[in-house]
Amino acid sequence: MIGRIVTLTAVVLTLSAPATSSSATISATSNIHEGLAVYIAGAIEEGDYKAALAAARQVSKSGTHVDFVLDSSGGDVVEAMKIGDLVSKLHARTIIWGKDLGKDPKAASKCFSSCFLIFIAGRERMADDNYRYAGASKEKFPVLGIHRPFINPALNKRLGLSDAEAAYSRVENMVRDYMRRFGTPHDLIDLMFTIPSGDVRFVTKDEFKTRFGYERPYFDEWSKAKCGSLTPAEAQDYAAILAERIMSGNEKHTPSRVSEGYAEYLVKKNTEVRACINGAILKHQRAVLTSEK
């Protein structure tokens, strides 16, 4: 896939989102969030794939599985698809942390345009809307947004109409193929290509969950076969136990409707399942990062 993208780059130079204020900062650490991950913030530009790969290696060497935390208004679509292919090869999670706009209205998290292409490549895609409290109510503001790509205007204006049509057709076909690989509903792809490049169509957290799902199907089926899982009833009970422990501030608290032995059984089983999955992911990611160029 990356080879095809490189070929396309040579033909159309670059694909960009509407102009953004700053180039991307890519690192394994963040001034805002704890923990190592590949943090991508700002406009995506040519060369960012190499920076993302270097950050992923730094995270992996620490003994932590690689996640991608995104906060970008878009940028170079070709580079974004290369990063998305890296996310896919690593079977990494993609995460967008929504922010409290009541504290700083200008600090809104976002993943628009080409950033959306990176986000959908994750094995698990987690996006929390930005929010602001208005009295007792909580307003939510989407972090996801889409529009159609466009050819760099400096190149596009030099093309004749037929060449411009042919170039855009190649771009559109590649982006459509890429999005279908990651389970994007066909009607949403069609809709995206009706949105002018200067506009944004927002996608809420709830809409994304309904149309895409939180976890990609292949990973859910593989993890259950590889490491087992809680039954649906056990998962419901575990979630209730965990919620009450968080609310009480007591990590040993057991709800009255379940026995202490059953609660600890669920905690132990869930811990073993997660450790199995995380260990398998870490092993796979290390192998990929050793060979990736």
C-alpha atoms as a PDB file:
ATOM      1  CA  MET A   1       0.000   0.000   0.000  1.00  0.00           C
ATOM      2  CA  ILE A   2       2.756   2.473   0.884  1.00  0.00           C
ATOM      3  CA  GLY A   3       4.380   1.837  -2.488  1.00  0.00           C
ATOM      4  CA  ARG A   4       1.152   2.817  -4.256  1.00  0.00           C
ATOM      5  CA  ILE A   5       0.909   5.952  -2.141  1.00  0.00           C
ATOM      6  CA  VAL A   6       4.469   6.973  -2.984  1.00  0.00           C
ATOM      7  CA  THR A   7       3.695   6.545  -6.686  1.00  0.00           C
ATOM      8  CA  LEU A   8       0.645   8.759  -6.333  1.00  0.00           C
ATOM      9  CA  THR A   9       2.694  11.374  -4.489  1.00  0.00           C
ATOM     10  CA  ALA A  10       5.027  11.650  -7.473  1.00  0.00           C
ATOM     11  CA  VAL A  11       2.048  12.321  -9.727  1.00  0.00           C
ATOM     12  CA  VAL A  12       0.031  14.836  -7.701  1.00  0.00           C
ATOM     13  CA  LEU A  13       2.710  16.089  -5.288  1.00  0.00           C
ATOM     14  CA  THR A  14       0.598  16.524  -2.201  1.00  0.00           C
ATOM     15  CA  LEU A  15      -2.938  16.542  -0.931  1.00  0.00           C
ATOM     16  CA  SER A  16      -3.797  18.990   1.763  1.00  0.00           C
ATOM     17  CA  ALA A  17      -6.535  19.989   4.115  1.00  0.00           C
ATOM     18  CA  PRO A  18      -7.426  23.686   4.354  1.00  0.00           C
ATOM     19  CA  ALA A  19      -4.462  25.675   5.654  1.00  0.00           C
ATOM     20  CA  THR A  20      -3.641  25.045   9.303  1.00  0.00           C
ATOM     21  CA  SER A  21      -1.711  27.193  11.729  1.00  0.00           C
ATOM     22  CA  SER A  22       1.198  24.942  12.631  1.00  0.00           C
ATOM     23  CA  SER A  23       3.018  21.840  11.446  1.00  0.00           C
ATOM     24  CA  ALA A  24       2.626  18.590  13.331  1.00  0.00           C
ATOM     25  CA  THR A  25       4.494  17.844  16.516  1.00  0.00           C
ATOM     26  CA  ILE A  26       5.090  14.103  16.783  1.00  0.00           C
ATOM     27  CA  SER A  27       6.669  12.571  19.862  1.00  0.00           C
ATOM     28  CA  ALA A  28       6.396   9.694  22.336  1.00  0.00           C
ATOM     29  CA  THR A  29       5.582  12.013  25.239  1.00  0.00           C
ATOM     30  CA  SER A  30       3.035  14.758  25.889  1.00  0.00           C
ATOM     31  CA  ASN A  31       2.873  17.828  28.108  1.00  0.00           C
ATOM     32  CA  ILE A  32      -0.849  17.196  28.587  1.00  0.00           C
ATOM     33  CA  HIS A  33      -1.306  13.432  28.904  1.00  0.00           C
ATOM     34  CA  GLU A  34       0.532  10.873  31.002  1.00  0.00           C
ATOM     35  CA  GLY A  35       2.047   7.746  29.504  1.00  0.00           C
ATOM     36  CA  LEU A  36       4.007   6.980  26.378  1.00  0.00           C
ATOM     37  CA  ALA A  37       2.226   6.947  23.021  1.00  0.00           C
ATOM     38  CA  VAL A  38       2.680   8.351  19.530  1.00  0.00           C
ATOM     39  CA  TYR A  39       1.272  11.857  19.984  1.00  0.00           C
ATOM     40  CA  ILE A  40       0.411  13.668  16.733  1.00  0.00           C
ATOM     41  CA  ALA A  41      -0.647  17.308  17.092  1.00  0.00           C
ATOM     42  CA  GLY A  42      -0.871  19.992  14.401  1.00  0.00           C
ATOM     43  CA  ALA A  43      -0.896  19.897  10.612  1.00  0.00           C
ATOM     44  CA  ILE A  44       0.309  16.675   8.978  1.00  0.00           C
ATOM     45  CA  GLU A  45       3.139  17.223   6.506  1.00  0.00           C
ATOM     46  CA  GLU A  46       5.490  15.229   4.312  1.00  0.00           C
ATOM     47  CA  GLY A  47       8.055  13.459   6.514  1.00  0.00           C
ATOM     48  CA  ASP A  48       5.689  12.921   9.436  1.00  0.00           C
ATOM     49  CA  TYR A  49       5.522   9.176   8.728  1.00  0.00           C
ATOM     50  CA  LYS A  50       9.220   8.879   9.606  1.00  0.00           C
ATOM     51  CA  ALA A  51       8.673  10.882  12.786  1.00  0.00           C
ATOM     52  CA  ALA A  52       5.695   8.667  13.736  1.00  0.00           C
ATOM     53  CA  LEU A  53       7.769   5.532  13.109  1.00  0.00           C
ATOM     54  CA  ALA A  54      10.586   6.847  15.327  1.00  0.00           C
ATOM     55  CA  ALA A  55       8.141   7.687  18.112  1.00  0.00           C
ATOM     56  CA  ALA A  56       6.514   4.242  17.839  1.00  0.00           C
ATOM     57  CA  ARG A  57       9.919   2.586  18.248  1.00  0.00           C
ATOM     58  CA  GLN A  58      10.614   4.683  21.327  1.00  0.00           C
ATOM     59  CA  VAL A  59       7.303   3.635  22.875  1.00  0.00           C
ATOM     60  CA  SER A  60       7.842  -0.039  22.036  1.00  0.00           C
ATOM     61  CA  LYS A  61      11.345  -0.082  23.529  1.00  0.00           C
ATOM     62  CA  SER A  62       9.885   1.077  26.847  1.00  0.00           C
ATOM     63  CA  GLY A  63       7.856  -2.141  27.071  1.00  0.00           C
ATOM     64  CA  THR A  64       4.546  -0.426  26.350  1.00  0.00           C
ATOM     65  CA  HIS A  65       2.261  -1.295  23.456  1.00  0.00           C
ATOM     66  CA  VAL A  66       1.926   1.509  20.904  1.00  0.00           C
ATOM     67  CA  ASP A  67      -1.132   3.779  20.815  1.00  0.00           C
ATOM     68  CA  PHE A  68      -1.637   6.823  18.569  1.00  0.00           C
ATOM     69  CA  VAL A  69      -3.128   9.918  20.249  1.00  0.00           C
ATOM     70  CA  LEU A  70      -4.406  12.407  17.675  1.00  0.00           C
ATOM     71  CA  ASP A  71      -5.135  16.146  17.734  1.00  0.00           C
ATOM     72  CA  SER A  72      -4.872  17.489  14.179  1.00  0.00           C
ATOM     73  CA  SER A  73      -7.001  19.557  11.818  1.00  0.00           C
ATOM     74  CA  GLY A  74      -5.566  17.622   8.880  1.00  0.00           C
ATOM     75  CA  GLY A  75      -2.873  18.168   6.288  1.00  0.00           C
ATOM     76  CA  ASP A  76      -1.113  16.002   3.735  1.00  0.00           C
ATOM     77  CA  VAL A  77      -3.451  13.128   2.868  1.00  0.00           C
ATOM     78  CA  VAL A  78      -0.721  11.012   1.281  1.00  0.00           C
ATOM     79  CA  GLU A  79       1.380  11.231   4.468  1.00  0.00           C
ATOM     80  CA  ALA A  80      -1.690  10.533   6.599  1.00  0.00           C
ATOM     81  CA  MET A  81      -2.405   7.332   4.669  1.00  0.00           C
ATOM     82  CA  LYS A  82       1.196   6.215   5.182  1.00  0.00           C
ATOM     83  CA  ILE A  83       0.808   6.792   8.928  1.00  0.00           C
ATOM     84  CA  GLY A  84      -2.550   5.004   8.802  1.00  0.00           C
ATOM     85  CA  ASP A  85      -0.881   2.004   7.172  1.00  0.00           C
ATOM     86  CA  LEU A  86       1.653   2.001  10.023  1.00  0.00           C
ATOM     87  CA  VAL A  87      -1.181   2.078  12.561  1.00  0.00           C
ATOM     88  CA  SER A  88      -2.810  -0.844  10.753  1.00  0.00           C
ATOM     89  CA  LYS A  89       0.394  -2.905  10.591  1.00  0.00           C
ATOM     90  CA  LEU A  90       0.938  -2.360  14.316  1.00  0.00           C
ATOM     91  CA  HIS A  91      -2.716  -3.084  15.139  1.00  0.00           C
ATOM     92  CA  ALA A  92      -2.475   0.002  17.341  1.00  0.00           C
ATOM     93  CA  ARG A  93      -5.289   1.864  19.046  1.00  0.00           C
ATOM     94  CA  THR A  94      -6.203   5.383  17.909  1.00  0.00           C
ATOM     95  CA  ILE A  95      -7.365   7.828  20.557  1.00  0.00           C
ATOM     96  CA  ILE A  96      -8.723  11.391  20.669  1.00  0.00           C
ATOM     97  CA  TRP A  97      -9.179  12.916  24.107  1.00  0.00           C
ATOM     98  CA  GLY A  98     -11.966  15.513  24.251  1.00  0.00           C
ATOM     99  CA  LYS A  99     -11.310  18.594  26.360  1.00  0.00           C
ATOM    100  CA  ASP A 100     -13.270  20.838  28.730  1.00  0.00           C
ATOM    101  CA  LEU A 101     -13.942  23.956  26.647  1.00  0.00           C
ATOM    102  CA  GLY A 102     -15.205  25.769  29.724  1.00  0.00           C
ATOM    103  CA  LYS A 103     -11.612  25.978  30.886  1.00  0.00           C
ATOM    104  CA  ASP A 104     -10.165  27.001  27.515  1.00  0.00           C
ATOM    105  CA  PRO A 105     -12.483  27.396  24.485  1.00  0.00           C
ATOM    106  CA  LYS A 106      -9.479  27.511  22.126  1.00  0.00           C
ATOM    107  CA  ALA A 107      -8.057  24.190  23.344  1.00  0.00           C
ATOM    108  CA  ALA A 108     -10.584  21.978  21.526  1.00  0.00           C
ATOM    109  CA  SER A 109      -9.262  18.598  20.422  1.00  0.00           C
ATOM    110  CA  LYS A 110      -9.863  17.734  16.789  1.00  0.00           C
ATOM    111  CA  CYS A 111      -9.258  15.098  14.140  1.00  0.00           C
ATOM    112  CA  PHE A 112     -10.428  16.498  10.829  1.00  0.00           C
ATOM    113  CA  SER A 113      -9.738  15.750   7.189  1.00  0.00           C
ATOM    114  CA  SER A 114      -6.621  13.585   6.733  1.00  0.00           C
ATOM    115  CA  CYS A 115      -6.385  12.965  10.490  1.00  0.00           C
ATOM    116  CA  PHE A 116      -9.656  11.037  10.159  1.00  0.00           C
ATOM    117  CA  LEU A 117      -7.845   8.655   7.786  1.00  0.00           C
ATOM    118  CA  ILE A 118      -5.335   7.842  10.522  1.00  0.00           C
ATOM    119  CA  PHE A 119      -8.042   7.460  13.145  1.00  0.00           C
ATOM    120  CA  ILE A 120     -10.074   4.837  11.258  1.00  0.00           C
ATOM    121  CA  ALA A 121      -6.996   2.596  10.860  1.00  0.00           C
ATOM    122  CA  GLY A 122      -6.882   1.721  14.573  1.00  0.00           C
ATOM    123  CA  ARG A 123      -7.822  -1.711  15.877  1.00  0.00           C
ATOM    124  CA  GLU A 124      -9.818   0.168  18.516  1.00  0.00           C
ATOM    125  CA  ARG A 125     -10.970   3.710  17.750  1.00  0.00           C
ATOM    126  CA  MET A 126     -11.747   5.870  20.780  1.00  0.00           C
ATOM    127  CA  ALA A 127     -12.973   9.447  20.352  1.00  0.00           C
ATOM    128  CA  ASP A 128     -14.350  11.530  23.212  1.00  0.00           C
ATOM    129  CA  ASP A 129     -16.223  14.689  22.220  1.00  0.00           C
ATOM    130  CA  ASN A 130     -15.132  18.052  23.565  1.00  0.00           C
ATOM    131  CA  TYR A 131     -17.537  19.318  26.193  1.00  0.00           C
ATOM    132  CA  ARG A 132     -18.672  22.332  28.168  1.00  0.00           C
ATOM    133  CA  TYR A 133     -20.947  22.523  31.176  1.00  0.00           C
ATOM    134  CA  ALA A 134     -23.887  24.927  30.973  1.00  0.00           C
ATOM    135  CA  GLY A 135     -25.502  24.829  34.382  1.00  0.00           C
ATOM    136  CA  ALA A 136     -26.520  21.239  35.060  1.00  0.00           C
ATOM    137  CA  SER A 137     -26.317  20.219  31.391  1.00  0.00           C
ATOM    138  CA  LYS A 138     -23.266  19.106  29.436  1.00  0.00           C
ATOM    139  CA  GLU A 139     -22.849  20.322  25.866  1.00  0.00           C
ATOM    140  CA  LYS A 140     -20.822  18.135  23.534  1.00  0.00           C
ATOM    141  CA  PHE A 141     -18.777  19.217  20.521  1.00  0.00           C
ATOM    142  CA  PRO A 142     -17.497  16.641  17.981  1.00  0.00           C
ATOM    143  CA  VAL A 143     -13.777  16.018  17.577  1.00  0.00           C
ATOM    144  CA  LEU A 144     -14.147  14.206  14.224  1.00  0.00           C
ATOM    145  CA  GLY A 145     -14.695  15.933  10.885  1.00  0.00           C
ATOM    146  CA  ILE A 146     -14.526  14.993   7.195  1.00  0.00           C
ATOM    147  CA  HIS A 147     -14.398  16.632   3.766  1.00  0.00           C
ATOM    148  CA  ARG A 148     -13.087  15.666   0.364  1.00  0.00           C
ATOM    149  CA  PRO A 149      -9.338  15.942  -0.363  1.00  0.00           C
ATOM    150  CA  PHE A 150      -7.945  18.292  -2.956  1.00  0.00           C
ATOM    151  CA  ILE A 151      -4.828  18.559  -5.052  1.00  0.00           C
ATOM    152  CA  ASN A 152      -2.275  21.166  -4.052  1.00  0.00           C
ATOM    153  CA  PRO A 153      -3.569  24.367  -5.710  1.00  0.00           C
ATOM    154  CA  ALA A 154      -0.062  25.346  -6.871  1.00  0.00           C
ATOM    155  CA  LEU A 155      -0.029  22.191  -8.999  1.00  0.00           C
ATOM    156  CA  ASN A 156      -3.720  22.011  -9.809  1.00  0.00           C
ATOM    157  CA  LYS A 157      -3.856  25.465 -11.430  1.00  0.00           C
ATOM    158  CA  ARG A 158      -1.152  24.414 -13.892  1.00  0.00           C
ATOM    159  CA  LEU A 159      -3.102  21.363 -15.068  1.00  0.00           C
ATOM    160  CA  GLY A 160      -5.436  21.352 -18.035  1.00  0.00           C
ATOM    161  CA  LEU A 161      -9.016  20.299 -17.315  1.00  0.00           C
ATOM    162  CA  SER A 162      -8.567  16.749 -18.601  1.00  0.00           C
ATOM    163  CA  ASP A 163      -5.342  16.257 -16.641  1.00  0.00           C
ATOM    164  CA  ALA A 164      -6.970  17.702 -13.515  1.00  0.00           C
ATOM    165  CA  GLU A 165      -9.894  15.303 -13.910  1.00  0.00           C
ATOM    166  CA  ALA A 166      -7.569  12.313 -14.372  1.00  0.00           C
ATOM    167  CA  ALA A 167      -5.394  13.277 -11.411  1.00  0.00           C
ATOM    168  CA  TYR A 168      -8.364  13.780  -9.098  1.00  0.00           C
ATOM    169  CA  SER A 169      -9.902  10.491 -10.222  1.00  0.00           C
ATOM    170  CA  ARG A 170      -6.736   8.673  -9.157  1.00  0.00           C
ATOM    171  CA  VAL A 171      -6.733  10.500  -5.832  1.00  0.00           C
ATOM    172  CA  GLU A 172     -10.403   9.748  -5.217  1.00  0.00           C
ATOM    173  CA  ASN A 173     -10.051   6.062  -6.066  1.00  0.00           C
ATOM    174  CA  MET A 174      -7.094   5.632  -3.724  1.00  0.00           C
ATOM    175  CA  VAL A 175      -8.797   7.417  -0.812  1.00  0.00           C
ATOM    176  CA  ARG A 176     -11.995   5.420  -1.354  1.00  0.00           C
ATOM    177  CA  ASP A 177     -10.058   2.127  -1.433  1.00  0.00           C
ATOM    178  CA  TYR A 178      -8.177   3.094   1.724  1.00  0.00           C
ATOM    179  CA  MET A 179     -11.339   4.006   3.631  1.00  0.00           C
ATOM    180  CA  ARG A 180     -13.118   0.805   2.597  1.00  0.00           C
ATOM    181  CA  ARG A 181     -10.208  -1.255   3.980  1.00  0.00           C
ATOM    182  CA  PHE A 182     -11.064   0.018   7.444  1.00  0.00           C
ATOM    183  CA  GLY A 183     -14.798  -0.559   7.300  1.00  0.00           C
ATOM    184  CA  THR A 184     -15.993   2.928   6.397  1.00  0.00           C
ATOM    185  CA  PRO A 185     -19.657   2.754   5.331  1.00  0.00           C
ATOM    186  CA  HIS A 186     -19.984   3.384   1.600  1.00  0.00           C
ATOM    187  CA  ASP A 187     -22.612   6.086   2.053  1.00  0.00           C
ATOM    188  CA  LEU A 188     -20.297   8.023   4.383  1.00  0.00           C
ATOM    189  CA  ILE A 189     -17.484   7.865   1.799  1.00  0.00           C
ATOM    190  CA  ASP A 190     -19.908   9.129  -0.854  1.00  0.00           C
ATOM    191  CA  LEU A 191     -21.033  11.895   1.495  1.00  0.00           C
ATOM    192  CA  MET A 192     -17.447  12.922   2.232  1.00  0.00           C
ATOM    193  CA  PHE A 193     -16.771  13.553  -1.439  1.00  0.00           C
ATOM    194  CA  THR A 194     -19.732  15.956  -1.591  1.00  0.00           C
ATOM    195  CA  ILE A 195     -18.255  18.151   1.175  1.00  0.00           C
ATOM    196  CA  PRO A 196     -16.119  20.962  -0.312  1.00  0.00           C
ATOM    197  CA  SER A 197     -12.541  21.022   0.892  1.00  0.00           C
ATOM    198  CA  GLY A 198     -13.136  24.326   2.669  1.00  0.00           C
ATOM    199  CA  ASP A 199     -16.017  22.902   4.759  1.00  0.00           C
ATOM    200  CA  VAL A 200     -16.199  20.232   7.460  1.00  0.00           C
ATOM    201  CA  ARG A 201     -18.939  17.695   8.159  1.00  0.00           C
ATOM    202  CA  PHE A 202     -18.723  16.775  11.833  1.00  0.00           C
ATOM    203  CA  VAL A 203     -19.057  13.181  13.057  1.00  0.00           C
ATOM    204  CA  THR A 204     -20.143  12.765  16.673  1.00  0.00           C
ATOM    205  CA  LYS A 205     -18.828  10.092  19.002  1.00  0.00           C
ATOM    206  CA  ASP A 206     -22.224   8.375  19.008  1.00  0.00           C
ATOM    207  CA  GLU A 207     -22.512   8.438  15.209  1.00  0.00           C
ATOM    208  CA  PHE A 208     -19.041   6.959  14.816  1.00  0.00           C
ATOM    209  CA  LYS A 209     -19.798   4.203  17.325  1.00  0.00           C
ATOM    210  CA  THR A 210     -23.034   3.339  15.519  1.00  0.00           C
ATOM    211  CA  ARG A 211     -21.581   3.403  12.005  1.00  0.00           C
ATOM    212  CA  PHE A 212     -18.089   2.006  12.635  1.00  0.00           C
ATOM    213  CA  GLY A 213     -18.053   0.348  16.037  1.00  0.00           C
ATOM    214  CA  TYR A 214     -15.484   0.879  18.756  1.00  0.00           C
ATOM    215  CA  GLU A 215     -13.466  -2.257  18.006  1.00  0.00           C
ATOM    216  CA  ARG A 216     -12.818  -3.610  14.524  1.00  0.00           C
ATOM    217  CA  PRO A 217     -14.467  -7.047  14.082  1.00  0.00           C
ATOM    218  CA  TYR A 218     -11.283  -8.978  13.184  1.00  0.00           C
ATOM    219  CA  PHE A 219      -9.618  -7.921  16.437  1.00  0.00           C
ATOM    220  CA  ASP A 220     -12.583  -8.817  18.627  1.00  0.00           C
ATOM    221  CA  GLU A 221     -12.762 -12.311  17.109  1.00  0.00           C
ATOM    222  CA  TRP A 222      -8.981 -12.860  17.234  1.00  0.00           C
ATOM    223  CA  SER A 223      -8.589 -11.710  20.849  1.00  0.00           C
ATOM    224  CA  LYS A 224     -11.373 -14.010  22.040  1.00  0.00           C
ATOM    225  CA  ALA A 225      -9.862 -16.979  20.203  1.00  0.00           C
ATOM    226  CA  LYS A 226      -6.334 -16.171  21.419  1.00  0.00           C
ATOM    227  CA  CYS A 227      -6.955 -15.170  25.025  1.00  0.00           C
ATOM    228  CA  GLY A 228     -10.564 -15.914  25.900  1.00  0.00           C
ATOM    229  CA  SER A 229     -12.980 -13.314  27.216  1.00  0.00           C
ATOM    230  CA  LEU A 230     -15.561 -12.582  29.856  1.00  0.00           C
ATOM    231  CA  THR A 231     -19.009 -13.876  28.947  1.00  0.00           C
ATOM    232  CA  PRO A 232     -21.608 -11.148  28.238  1.00  0.00           C
ATOM    233  CA  ALA A 233     -23.076 -11.665  31.722  1.00  0.00           C
ATOM    234  CA  GLU A 234     -19.617 -11.578  33.332  1.00  0.00           C
ATOM    235  CA  ALA A 235     -18.712  -8.436  31.409  1.00  0.00           C
ATOM    236  CA  GLN A 236     -21.877  -6.725  32.644  1.00  0.00           C
ATOM    237  CA  ASP A 237     -21.184  -7.762  36.246  1.00  0.00           C
ATOM    238  CA  TYR A 238     -17.535  -6.710  35.997  1.00  0.00           C
ATOM    239  CA  ALA A 239     -18.502  -3.289  34.656  1.00  0.00           C
ATOM    240  CA  ALA A 240     -20.943  -2.822  37.554  1.00  0.00           C
ATOM    241  CA  ILE A 241     -18.308  -3.864  40.111  1.00  0.00           C
ATOM    242  CA  LEU A 242     -15.717  -1.560  38.568  1.00  0.00           C
ATOM    243  CA  ALA A 243     -18.154   1.376  38.507  1.00  0.00           C
ATOM    244  CA  GLU A 244     -19.055   0.948  42.180  1.00  0.00           C
ATOM    245  CA  ARG A 245     -15.402   0.669  43.174  1.00  0.00           C
ATOM    246  CA  ILE A 246     -14.616   3.889  41.337  1.00  0.00           C
ATOM    247  CA  MET A 247     -17.591   5.661  42.904  1.00  0.00           C
ATOM    248  CA  SER A 248     -16.728   4.462  46.412  1.00  0.00           C
ATOM    249  CA  GLY A 249     -13.024   5.134  46.075  1.00  0.00           C
ATOM    250  CA  ASN A 250     -12.421   1.636  47.469  1.00  0.00           C
ATOM    251  CA  GLU A 251     -10.744  -0.767  45.034  1.00  0.00           C
ATOM    252  CA  LYS A 252     -11.856  -3.750  47.166  1.00  0.00           C
ATOM    253  CA  HIS A 253     -15.499  -2.703  47.436  1.00  0.00           C
ATOM    254  CA  THR A 254     -17.939  -5.477  46.489  1.00  0.00           C
ATOM    255  CA  PRO A 255     -21.579  -4.687  45.587  1.00  0.00           C
ATOM    256  CA  SER A 256     -24.086  -6.357  47.895  1.00  0.00           C
ATOM    257  CA  ARG A 257     -25.694  -8.323  45.057  1.00  0.00           C
ATOM    258  CA  VAL A 258     -22.508 -10.327  44.298  1.00  0.00           C
ATOM    259  CA  SER A 259     -20.210 -12.389  46.474  1.00  0.00           C
ATOM    260  CA  GLU A 260     -16.668 -11.272  47.217  1.00  0.00           C
ATOM    261  CA  GLY A 261     -15.346 -14.482  45.695  1.00  0.00           C
ATOM    262  CA  TYR A 262     -17.216 -13.920  42.429  1.00  0.00           C
ATOM    263  CA  ALA A 263     -16.032 -10.310  42.245  1.00  0.00           C
ATOM    264  CA  GLU A 264     -12.394 -11.319  42.661  1.00  0.00           C
ATOM    265  CA  TYR A 265     -12.829 -14.133  40.121  1.00  0.00           C
ATOM    266  CA  LEU A 266     -14.009 -11.590  37.549  1.00  0.00           C
ATOM    267  CA  VAL A 267     -11.150  -9.209  38.337  1.00  0.00           C
ATOM    268  CA  LYS A 268      -8.601 -12.022  38.023  1.00  0.00           C
ATOM    269  CA  LYS A 269     -10.094 -13.362  34.784  1.00  0.00           C
ATOM    270  CA  ASN A 270     -10.227  -9.909  33.193  1.00  0.00           C
ATOM    271  CA  THR A 271      -6.639  -9.183  34.254  1.00  0.00           C
ATOM    272  CA  GLU A 272      -5.420 -12.439  32.707  1.00  0.00           C
ATOM    273  CA  VAL A 273      -7.287 -11.819  29.443  1.00  0.00           C
ATOM    274  CA  ARG A 274      -5.939  -8.264  29.136  1.00  0.00           C
ATOM    275  CA  ALA A 275      -2.384  -9.408  29.942  1.00  0.00           C
ATOM    276  CA  CYS A 276      -2.590 -12.095  27.239  1.00  0.00           C
ATOM    277  CA  ILE A 277      -3.862  -9.636  24.620  1.00  0.00           C
ATOM    278  CA  ASN A 278      -1.365  -6.921  25.541  1.00  0.00           C
ATOM    279  CA  GLY A 279       1.519  -9.385  25.499  1.00  0.00           C
ATOM    280  CA  ALA A 280       0.593 -10.672  22.037  1.00  0.00           C
ATOM    281  CA  ILE A 281       0.216  -7.124  20.699  1.00  0.00           C
ATOM    282  CA  LEU A 282       3.540  -6.012  22.144  1.00  0.00           C
ATOM    283  CA  LYS A 283       5.338  -9.009  20.612  1.00  0.00           C
ATOM    284  CA  HIS A 284       3.773  -8.332  17.211  1.00  0.00           C
ATOM    285  CA  GLN A 285       4.540  -4.612  17.316  1.00  0.00           C
ATOM    286  CA  ARG A 286       8.180  -5.203  18.179  1.00  0.00           C
ATOM    287  CA  ALA A 287       8.543  -7.527  15.183  1.00  0.00           C
ATOM    288  CA  VAL A 288       6.925  -4.997  12.821  1.00  0.00           C
ATOM    289  CA  LEU A 289       9.008  -2.084  14.103  1.00  0.00           C
ATOM    290  CA  THR A 290      12.208  -4.073  13.673  1.00  0.00           C
ATOM    291  CA  SER A 291      11.560  -4.517   9.941  1.00  0.00           C
ATOM    292  CA  GLU A 292       9.599  -1.363   9.071  1.00  0.00           C
ATOM    293  CA  LYS A 293      11.425   1.318   7.062  1.00  0.00           C
END
